[in-house]
Amino acid sequence: MKITKENYDEIKSSMAEFLNAEIARYVKFAGSREGLDAKLGRSNRHSTMILKRQSFSALERLWRECKNKIKWLT
């Protein structure tokens, strides 16, 4: 698929949906968002704030951090 000006927003929103789904998997594994923060060694509400803000780059960073620190789930 080629990324163009016309389809950029659609692709970005699809990727955000994917990241949200993947992060939800890690939250389910950890039991709660607070549990996920504890497993990642982050302050309480770190993941909650990222998921609330829905910044694409922040979602991507959180997903990568989950993927790298909770390897056996993937």
Foldseek 3Di string as FASTA:
>chain_A
DDDDPVCPVVVLVVVLVVLVVLVVVLCVVLVHQQSSCVLLVHDGCPVVVCVVVSDSVSSVVSSVSCCVSVVVVD
